């Protein structure tokens, strides 16, 4: 593998470029007209403009991406996360055009991208799933019937959803009837089909995910877990590894379940099994992310591994670099997603960054998509950087993070940096006994 096209932008494109260059692999970056001056474009070996800022005219333009791949005679295409990373049609086209897709098979992407089908496959594999409908619900009457049987509150979900999109909490029949049609319409608009299903809403829940990795020879391992419970609007803000206040026995059962899930679908490359965990430590399959996660750096920090390097090795047909017993867990890492947004309303706050001061320290890794002078446009996700703090213990990592955010600063745009300071001093978070409601509670 000598040349890779990265079908993405911002910090993840930059992060992939860094590993490629350490492996003497040339990189081809693509950018919209709005992103032409961003750091990742300058870091790549080659760079191509692919269109106007709206994603349909640039980063989702499959034909243009493949045209550049042929023009540059690349060996493989890395989709990063978001955009086309979980698009089975894109993965299939990449392979049909003679390139290596750095990710799992198109079939697995399609199966796991359909949440109804994924639930069925996991259930057949013996993986515990959240109580709910066996498949898509036919109409509102069936939805109410199922909700009544499993008990409120419930979550009404789009079959093709993900990343917190297409999910609505319903506390009673009235709210279910009120939101049913609008949820179907939103599912159709976002994901191309209006299928919805129902799951029991697990209250006082934690969001725990297990990083898995498979190769094309049938091997699969886990790389331990991450706690992603600090969320707003079902989207992650802070993640940490390993999870705190979770028994060793529960963790071990989650690892075994995640690897079994991976093997059940003959999974290869990087993937994540997301679980919802209740107060009694019962855990249920939520979804499988068939790509590299935003929060993969904390797994790298606690294992000492380069997950992008593993992706490239597995994509070219190599066996996994390590067997399960060789994967070691050390340290504690916390990732903070830095957004250009109002820290009170959480609304995006585009603008020009006049000062970008997120200095790297011996205990801090910064994966940044922007720098001083760069413009954050309204066309894309407002995440501008990830700050990953690593300590010997969780307590140590939190103290280091507190110190770091007293000196970190970004000017020119509003950011959520003040939110981190607030959370790092919140009793619930510091104690490590928190769930997905923690951010709401702290903000109150």
Protein backbone atom coordinates (compact mmCIF):
# COMPACT_ATOMS: atom_id res chain seq x y z
CA UNK A 1 0.00 0.00 0.00
CA UNK A 2 1.79 3.09 -1.28
CA UNK A 3 -0.90 5.74 -1.69
CA UNK A 4 -4.19 6.35 0.17
CA UNK A 5 -7.00 8.77 -0.58
CA UNK A 6 -8.74 10.12 2.52
CA UNK A 7 -12.42 10.75 1.83
CA UNK A 8 -12.90 13.10 4.76
CA UNK A 9 -11.85 16.42 6.24
CA UNK A 10 -10.67 18.20 9.38
CA UNK A 11 -9.04 16.55 12.36
CA UNK A 12 -9.72 12.93 11.34
CA UNK A 13 -8.19 13.47 7.90
CA UNK A 14 -5.14 15.05 9.55
CA UNK A 15 -4.89 12.20 12.04
CA UNK A 16 -4.97 9.53 9.27
CA UNK A 17 -2.37 11.46 7.29
CA UNK A 18 0.03 11.40 10.25
CA UNK A 19 -0.01 7.61 10.51
CA UNK A 20 0.22 7.13 6.74
CA UNK A 21 3.33 9.27 6.63
CA UNK A 22 5.00 7.28 9.44
CA UNK A 23 4.40 4.19 7.26
CA UNK A 24 5.83 5.93 4.15
CA UNK A 25 2.41 5.95 2.52
CA UNK A 26 1.58 8.93 0.32
CA UNK A 27 -1.74 10.66 1.02
CA UNK A 28 -4.32 12.32 -1.18
CA UNK A 29 -6.53 14.84 0.61
CA UNK A 30 -9.79 16.21 -0.74
CA UNK A 31 -11.38 19.49 0.26
CA UNK A 32 -14.33 21.71 -0.50
CA UNK A 33 -13.72 25.32 -1.48
CA UNK A 34 -14.45 26.27 2.15
CA UNK A 35 -11.69 24.01 3.51
CA UNK A 36 -8.81 24.76 1.16
CA UNK A 37 -6.63 26.37 3.86
CA UNK A 38 -7.18 23.90 6.70
CA UNK A 39 -4.14 22.12 8.23
CA UNK A 40 -4.95 18.65 6.86
CA UNK A 41 -4.86 19.93 3.29
CA UNK A 42 -1.35 21.29 3.81
CA UNK A 43 -0.20 18.10 5.54
CA UNK A 44 -1.17 15.73 2.71
CA UNK A 45 1.17 14.70 -0.08
CA UNK A 46 -1.42 15.75 -2.68
CA UNK A 47 -4.65 17.71 -2.38
CA UNK A 48 -7.67 18.16 -4.62
CA UNK A 49 -10.63 20.51 -4.54
CA UNK A 50 -13.84 18.50 -4.90
CA UNK A 51 -16.60 21.09 -4.96
CA UNK A 52 -18.66 23.65 -3.13
CA UNK A 53 -19.13 23.56 0.67
CA UNK A 54 -22.49 21.74 0.87
CA UNK A 55 -21.64 18.09 1.50
CA UNK A 56 -23.75 16.79 -1.38
CA UNK A 57 -21.60 18.86 -3.73
CA UNK A 58 -18.28 17.82 -2.20
CA UNK A 59 -17.63 15.20 0.50
CA UNK A 60 -20.61 13.03 -0.49
CA UNK A 61 -19.85 13.23 -4.22
CA UNK A 62 -18.89 9.58 -4.79
CA UNK A 63 -18.16 9.98 -8.51
CA UNK A 64 -15.76 12.87 -7.94
CA UNK A 65 -13.94 10.98 -5.18
CA UNK A 66 -13.49 7.92 -7.40
CA UNK A 67 -12.38 10.11 -10.29
CA UNK A 68 -9.55 11.53 -8.16
CA UNK A 69 -8.67 8.05 -6.87
CA UNK A 70 -8.19 6.87 -10.46
CA UNK A 71 -6.33 10.03 -11.44
CA UNK A 72 -3.87 9.57 -8.57
CA UNK A 73 -3.76 5.79 -8.97
CA UNK A 74 -4.25 5.22 -5.26
CA UNK A 75 -4.23 1.79 -3.66
CA UNK A 76 -6.89 2.40 -1.04
CA UNK A 77 -9.51 4.81 0.28
CA UNK A 78 -9.95 5.63 3.97
CA UNK A 79 -13.41 7.05 4.79
CA UNK A 80 -12.62 8.35 8.30
CA UNK A 81 -15.85 8.72 10.27
CA UNK A 82 -19.12 10.40 9.29
CA UNK A 83 -19.81 11.31 5.66
CA UNK A 84 -19.46 8.09 3.60
CA UNK A 85 -17.79 5.94 6.26
CA UNK A 86 -20.89 3.79 6.88
CA UNK A 87 -22.27 3.97 3.37
CA UNK A 88 -22.33 0.42 1.98
CA UNK A 89 -22.93 1.68 -1.55
CA UNK A 90 -19.72 3.71 -1.40
CA UNK A 91 -17.73 0.80 0.07
CA UNK A 92 -18.98 -1.47 -2.71
CA UNK A 93 -18.17 1.07 -5.43
CA UNK A 94 -14.66 1.52 -4.02
CA UNK A 95 -14.05 -2.22 -4.30
CA UNK A 96 -15.67 -2.50 -7.73
CA UNK A 97 -13.38 0.26 -9.01
CA UNK A 98 -10.36 -1.78 -7.91
CA UNK A 99 -9.41 0.04 -4.70
CA UNK A 100 -9.13 -1.28 -1.16
CA UNK A 101 -11.79 0.07 1.18
CA UNK A 102 -10.21 0.66 4.60
CA UNK A 103 -13.07 -0.70 6.65
CA UNK A 104 -15.30 -3.78 6.88
CA UNK A 105 -17.15 -5.47 4.02
CA UNK A 106 -20.02 -3.62 2.30
CA UNK A 107 -22.42 -6.36 3.48
CA UNK A 108 -21.53 -5.87 7.15
CA UNK A 109 -21.86 -2.09 6.77
CA UNK A 110 -25.32 -2.56 5.25
CA UNK A 111 -26.45 -5.10 7.86
CA UNK A 112 -25.26 -3.10 10.84
CA UNK A 113 -26.44 0.21 9.37
CA UNK A 114 -30.00 -1.06 9.41
CA UNK A 115 -30.79 -1.00 13.12
CA UNK A 116 -33.73 -3.40 12.78
CA UNK A 117 -31.62 -5.95 10.89
CA UNK A 118 -28.71 -5.44 13.30
CA UNK A 119 -30.96 -6.20 16.31
CA UNK A 120 -32.13 -9.42 14.66
CA UNK A 121 -28.60 -10.56 13.79
CA UNK A 122 -27.28 -9.81 17.27
CA UNK A 123 -30.22 -11.55 18.94
CA UNK A 124 -29.60 -14.67 16.85
CA UNK A 125 -25.93 -14.53 17.90
CA UNK A 126 -26.91 -14.57 21.57
CA UNK A 127 -26.10 -10.91 22.17
CA UNK A 128 -28.57 -9.27 24.61
CA UNK A 129 -30.70 -6.59 22.94
CA UNK A 130 -32.93 -3.95 24.50
CA UNK A 131 -36.57 -5.14 24.79
CA UNK A 132 -38.60 -3.76 21.90
CA UNK A 133 -40.23 -4.48 18.56
CA UNK A 134 -38.96 -7.49 16.62
CA UNK A 135 -38.76 -5.37 13.50
CA UNK A 136 -40.08 -2.13 12.06
CA UNK A 137 -43.51 -1.22 13.39
CA UNK A 138 -46.28 -1.24 10.79
CA UNK A 139 -48.36 1.65 12.11
CA UNK A 140 -49.10 3.77 15.15
CA UNK A 141 -51.50 1.20 16.63
CA UNK A 142 -48.84 -1.51 16.61
CA UNK A 143 -46.37 0.98 18.08
CA UNK A 144 -48.73 1.77 20.97
CA UNK A 145 -49.38 -1.92 21.53
CA UNK A 146 -45.67 -2.74 21.81
CA UNK A 147 -44.97 0.29 24.00
CA UNK A 148 -47.74 -0.75 26.36
CA UNK A 149 -46.31 -4.28 26.57
CA UNK A 150 -42.71 -3.29 27.34
CA UNK A 151 -43.67 -0.25 29.43
CA UNK A 152 -42.98 3.47 29.11
CA UNK A 153 -40.75 5.37 28.65
CA UNK A 154 -39.73 4.10 25.20
CA UNK A 155 -37.48 5.31 22.40
CA UNK A 156 -38.92 5.65 18.92
CA UNK A 157 -35.98 5.16 16.54
CA UNK A 158 -35.30 5.42 12.82
CA UNK A 159 -34.06 2.09 11.46
CA UNK A 160 -31.33 3.86 9.50
CA UNK A 161 -30.41 6.28 12.27
CA UNK A 162 -27.22 6.80 14.22
CA UNK A 163 -25.21 9.38 16.12
CA UNK A 164 -28.24 10.39 18.13
CA UNK A 165 -30.21 11.37 15.01
CA UNK A 166 -33.69 9.96 14.46
CA UNK A 167 -34.38 9.15 18.13
CA UNK A 168 -37.34 10.43 20.14
CA UNK A 169 -38.17 9.71 23.78
CA UNK A 170 -41.85 8.97 24.45
CA UNK A 171 -43.05 8.96 28.06
CA UNK A 172 -46.64 7.97 27.38
CA UNK A 173 -49.05 7.02 24.61
CA UNK A 174 -49.93 10.64 23.93
CA UNK A 175 -46.31 11.60 23.19
CA UNK A 176 -45.86 8.48 21.06
CA UNK A 177 -48.90 9.31 18.95
CA UNK A 178 -47.80 12.94 18.66
CA UNK A 179 -44.26 12.17 17.41
CA UNK A 180 -44.83 9.01 15.36
CA UNK A 181 -45.48 10.56 11.94
CA UNK A 182 -42.88 13.33 12.32
CA UNK A 183 -40.23 10.75 13.30
CA UNK A 184 -41.04 8.69 10.21
CA UNK A 185 -40.84 11.80 8.03
CA UNK A 186 -37.49 12.76 9.54
CA UNK A 187 -36.21 9.20 9.01
CA UNK A 188 -37.20 9.42 5.35
CA UNK A 189 -35.47 12.78 4.94
CA UNK A 190 -32.23 11.82 6.69
CA UNK A 191 -31.81 8.13 5.90
CA UNK A 192 -33.84 7.47 2.76
CA UNK A 193 -36.53 5.26 4.27
CA UNK A 194 -39.17 5.80 6.92
CA UNK A 195 -38.86 2.55 8.91
CA UNK A 196 -39.02 3.08 12.67
CA UNK A 197 -38.86 0.68 15.59
CA UNK A 198 -39.39 0.85 19.35
CA UNK A 199 -37.06 0.06 22.23
CA UNK A 200 -37.53 0.26 25.96
CA UNK A 201 -35.76 3.35 27.30
CA UNK A 202 -33.25 2.19 29.89
CA UNK A 203 -33.27 4.87 32.58
CA UNK A 204 -30.28 5.72 34.80
CA UNK A 205 -28.25 4.24 31.98
CA UNK A 206 -24.61 4.39 31.04
CA UNK A 207 -23.29 4.32 27.50
CA UNK A 208 -20.37 1.88 27.38
CA UNK A 209 -18.71 0.76 24.17
CA UNK A 210 -16.13 -1.91 23.41
CA UNK A 211 -13.51 -1.38 20.70
CA UNK A 212 -13.17 -4.48 18.58
CA UNK A 213 -10.80 -5.31 15.74
CA UNK A 214 -10.88 -8.16 13.28
CA UNK A 215 -8.75 -9.30 10.37
CA UNK A 216 -9.62 -11.06 7.13
CA UNK A 217 -8.27 -14.34 8.49
CA UNK A 218 -11.07 -14.75 11.02
CA UNK A 219 -9.31 -13.37 14.08
CA UNK A 220 -11.01 -10.85 16.38
CA UNK A 221 -9.95 -9.14 19.61
CA UNK A 222 -11.27 -6.43 21.90
CA UNK A 223 -9.23 -3.37 22.92
CA UNK A 224 -11.15 -2.78 26.16
CA UNK A 225 -13.97 -0.30 26.75
CA UNK A 226 -14.81 3.39 26.76
CA UNK A 227 -17.41 5.24 28.79
CA UNK A 228 -19.31 7.70 26.60
CA UNK A 229 -22.06 8.68 29.03
CA UNK A 230 -21.35 12.44 29.09
CA UNK A 231 -23.72 13.48 26.32
CA UNK A 232 -25.97 16.28 25.24
CA UNK A 233 -28.87 15.60 22.88
CA UNK A 234 -27.69 11.98 22.58
CA UNK A 235 -24.31 13.12 21.26
CA UNK A 236 -21.04 12.51 23.08
CA UNK A 237 -19.05 15.35 24.63
CA UNK A 238 -16.53 13.63 26.93
CA UNK A 239 -15.34 10.02 26.82
CA UNK A 240 -12.96 8.11 29.05
CA UNK A 241 -11.14 4.79 29.10
CA UNK A 242 -11.37 2.55 30.95
CA UNK A 243 -14.90 2.91 32.37
CA UNK A 244 -15.10 3.67 36.06
CA UNK A 245 -17.50 2.20 38.66
CA UNK A 246 -18.15 -0.90 36.57
CA UNK A 247 -17.29 -4.36 37.94
CA UNK A 248 -14.52 -6.44 36.41
CA UNK A 249 -16.97 -9.29 35.90
CA UNK A 250 -19.36 -7.10 33.88
CA UNK A 251 -16.50 -5.75 31.81
CA UNK A 252 -15.25 -9.24 31.03
CA UNK A 253 -18.72 -10.36 29.93
CA UNK A 254 -19.00 -7.27 27.72
CA UNK A 255 -15.64 -8.04 26.09
CA UNK A 256 -16.68 -11.63 25.37
CA UNK A 257 -20.05 -10.49 24.00
CA UNK A 258 -18.44 -7.86 21.76
CA UNK A 259 -15.97 -10.33 20.27
CA UNK A 260 -18.77 -12.87 19.75
CA UNK A 261 -20.78 -10.18 17.96
CA UNK A 262 -17.81 -9.40 15.71
CA UNK A 263 -17.27 -13.04 14.84
CA UNK A 264 -20.98 -13.57 14.19
CA UNK A 265 -20.81 -11.19 11.22
CA UNK A 266 -17.22 -12.10 10.19
CA UNK A 267 -16.14 -8.58 11.02
CA UNK A 268 -12.76 -7.20 9.98
CA UNK A 269 -11.03 -3.84 10.52
CA UNK A 270 -11.93 -1.36 13.30
CA UNK A 271 -15.39 -1.48 14.82
CA UNK A 272 -17.22 -0.64 18.01
CA UNK A 273 -20.00 -2.45 19.84
CA UNK A 274 -22.06 0.07 21.78
CA UNK A 275 -23.95 -1.07 24.87
CA UNK A 276 -26.47 0.56 27.16
CA UNK A 277 -25.91 -0.46 30.79
CA UNK A 278 -28.51 -0.12 33.53
CA UNK A 279 -28.02 0.56 37.24
CA UNK A 280 -27.80 -3.19 37.97
CA UNK A 281 -25.08 -3.60 35.30
CA UNK A 282 -27.33 -5.46 32.87
CA UNK A 283 -26.07 -4.52 29.42
CA UNK A 284 -27.80 -4.50 26.05
CA UNK A 285 -26.62 -4.13 22.47
CA UNK A 286 -27.28 -0.63 21.13
CA UNK A 287 -25.50 -0.61 17.77
CA UNK A 288 -22.33 -1.56 15.94
CA UNK A 289 -20.30 1.28 14.45
CA UNK A 290 -18.57 -0.09 11.38
CA UNK A 291 -15.78 2.48 11.30
CA UNK A 292 -13.13 4.25 13.33
CA UNK A 293 -14.75 6.16 16.21
CA UNK A 294 -14.26 9.84 17.01
CA UNK A 295 -13.07 8.72 20.46
CA UNK A 296 -10.50 6.15 19.28
CA UNK A 297 -7.56 8.22 20.70
CA UNK A 298 -8.38 7.31 24.30
CA UNK A 299 -8.10 3.63 23.39
CA UNK A 300 -4.76 4.38 21.76
CA UNK A 301 -3.58 6.22 24.88
CA UNK A 302 -4.42 3.37 27.27
CA UNK A 303 -3.14 0.55 25.07
CA UNK A 304 -0.18 2.24 23.33
CA UNK A 305 -1.51 1.10 19.94
CA UNK A 306 -2.06 3.00 16.69
CA UNK A 307 -5.53 2.02 15.49
CA UNK A 308 -5.13 3.67 12.10
CA UNK A 309 -1.97 1.65 11.53
CA UNK A 310 -3.91 -1.49 12.44
CA UNK A 311 -6.60 -0.46 9.95
CA UNK A 312 -4.07 -0.12 7.15
CA UNK A 313 -2.38 -3.44 7.98
CA UNK A 314 -5.66 -5.35 8.13
CA UNK A 315 -6.92 -3.68 4.93
CA UNK A 316 -3.93 -4.99 3.00
CA UNK A 317 -4.59 -8.51 4.29
CA UNK A 318 -2.23 -8.80 7.26
CA UNK A 319 -3.15 -10.67 10.43
CA UNK A 320 -3.88 -8.65 13.57
CA UNK A 321 -0.57 -7.40 15.00
CA UNK A 322 -1.37 -8.78 18.48
CA UNK A 323 -3.34 -11.63 20.01
CA UNK A 324 -5.80 -10.96 22.81
CA UNK A 325 -3.47 -11.78 25.70
CA UNK A 326 -0.86 -9.41 24.27
CA UNK A 327 -3.17 -6.36 24.42
CA UNK A 328 -2.38 -4.57 27.68
CA UNK A 329 -4.30 -1.82 29.48
CA UNK A 330 -2.31 0.96 31.17
CA UNK A 331 -3.09 4.50 32.31
CA UNK A 332 -6.40 6.37 32.15
CA UNK A 333 -7.40 8.73 29.34
CA UNK A 334 -10.17 11.29 28.93
CA UNK A 335 -11.17 12.90 25.64
CA UNK A 336 -12.82 16.31 25.44
CA UNK A 337 -14.55 17.24 22.18
CA UNK A 338 -13.98 20.95 21.59
CA UNK A 339 -16.88 22.46 19.66
CA UNK A 340 -17.34 25.90 18.15
CA UNK A 341 -20.66 26.38 19.84
CA UNK A 342 -22.40 28.46 22.47
CA UNK A 343 -21.64 26.73 25.80
CA UNK A 344 -25.12 27.57 27.12
CA UNK A 345 -27.44 26.93 24.18
CA UNK A 346 -25.16 24.38 22.42
CA UNK A 347 -25.94 26.07 19.11
CA UNK A 348 -23.11 26.13 16.53
CA UNK A 349 -21.03 29.32 16.58
CA UNK A 350 -19.19 29.62 13.24
CA UNK A 351 -16.64 32.35 12.68
CA UNK A 352 -12.93 33.02 12.32
CA UNK A 353 -10.55 31.71 14.96
CA UNK A 354 -8.29 34.60 15.94
CA UNK A 355 -6.30 32.65 18.52
CA UNK A 356 -6.01 28.89 18.83
CA UNK A 357 -4.09 27.90 21.93
CA UNK A 358 -4.46 24.20 22.76
CA UNK A 359 -0.82 23.45 23.56
CA UNK A 360 0.41 19.86 23.61
CA UNK A 361 1.93 18.73 26.90
CA UNK A 362 3.60 15.49 27.92
CA UNK A 363 0.23 14.34 29.24
CA UNK A 364 -1.94 15.95 26.52
CA UNK A 365 -2.59 14.95 22.94
CA UNK A 366 -4.40 17.43 20.70
CA UNK A 367 -6.05 16.23 17.49
CA UNK A 368 -6.99 19.51 15.83
CA UNK A 369 -8.76 20.30 12.60
CA UNK A 370 -8.18 24.05 12.75
CA UNK A 371 -5.54 26.60 13.71
CA UNK A 372 -5.32 30.34 14.32
CA UNK A 373 -6.73 32.28 11.37
CA UNK A 374 -8.90 29.42 10.11
CA UNK A 375 -12.60 29.93 9.56
CA UNK A 376 -15.19 27.60 11.08
CA UNK A 377 -18.00 27.50 8.53
CA UNK A 378 -21.65 26.54 9.14
CA UNK A 379 -21.50 23.69 6.62
CA UNK A 380 -20.02 20.96 8.82
CA UNK A 381 -20.02 19.53 12.33
CA UNK A 382 -18.73 22.27 14.69
CA UNK A 383 -16.09 20.07 16.36
CA UNK A 384 -12.76 21.85 15.92
CA UNK A 385 -10.44 19.69 18.03
CA UNK A 386 -10.14 16.85 20.51
CA UNK A 387 -8.09 17.20 23.69
CA UNK A 388 -6.97 13.87 25.14
CA UNK A 389 -5.55 13.93 28.67
CA UNK A 390 -3.73 10.85 29.97
CA UNK A 391 -2.90 10.16 33.62
CA UNK A 392 -1.62 7.27 35.72
CA UNK A 393 -5.07 6.97 37.28
CA UNK A 394 -8.48 8.52 36.73
CA UNK A 395 -7.93 10.92 39.62
CA UNK A 396 -4.59 11.95 38.14
CA UNK A 397 -6.10 12.46 34.66
CA UNK A 398 -8.86 14.68 36.09
CA UNK A 399 -6.37 16.84 38.01
CA UNK A 400 -4.20 17.20 34.91
CA UNK A 401 -7.25 18.15 32.84
CA UNK A 402 -8.29 20.79 35.37
CA UNK A 403 -4.84 22.36 35.18
CA UNK A 404 -4.77 22.17 31.39
CA UNK A 405 -8.07 23.94 30.83
CA UNK A 406 -6.95 26.90 32.94
CA UNK A 407 -4.38 27.67 30.22
CA UNK A 408 -6.16 26.47 27.08
CA UNK A 409 -7.94 29.19 25.10
CA UNK A 410 -9.61 29.77 21.75
CA UNK A 411 -10.68 33.24 20.66
CA UNK A 412 -12.78 34.56 17.79
CA UNK A 413 -15.51 31.94 18.17
CA UNK A 414 -17.49 30.72 21.13
CA UNK A 415 -16.49 27.26 22.37
CA UNK A 416 -17.54 24.75 25.00
CA UNK A 417 -14.25 25.07 26.95
CA UNK A 418 -16.13 26.58 29.95
CA UNK A 419 -18.30 23.47 30.04
CA UNK A 420 -15.27 21.25 30.63
CA UNK A 421 -14.16 23.32 33.61
CA UNK A 422 -17.65 23.10 35.06
CA UNK A 423 -17.90 19.34 34.62
CA UNK A 424 -14.41 18.62 35.96
CA UNK A 425 -15.46 20.25 39.22
CA UNK A 426 -18.86 18.54 39.42
CA UNK A 427 -19.19 16.07 42.26
CA UNK A 428 -21.05 13.47 40.18
CA UNK A 429 -18.40 13.35 37.48
CA UNK A 430 -15.39 13.44 39.78
CA UNK A 431 -16.85 10.60 41.86
CA UNK A 432 -17.14 8.51 38.70
CA UNK A 433 -20.70 7.46 39.50
CA UNK A 434 -22.56 9.08 36.67
CA UNK A 435 -24.88 8.15 33.81
CA UNK A 436 -26.16 9.77 30.62
CA UNK A 437 -28.09 12.35 32.64
CA UNK A 438 -24.95 13.80 34.24
CA UNK A 439 -24.55 16.79 31.93
CA UNK A 440 -28.17 17.83 32.36
CA UNK A 441 -27.82 17.54 36.13
CA UNK A 442 -24.60 19.55 36.24
CA UNK A 443 -26.03 22.32 34.05
CA UNK A 444 -29.03 22.64 36.34
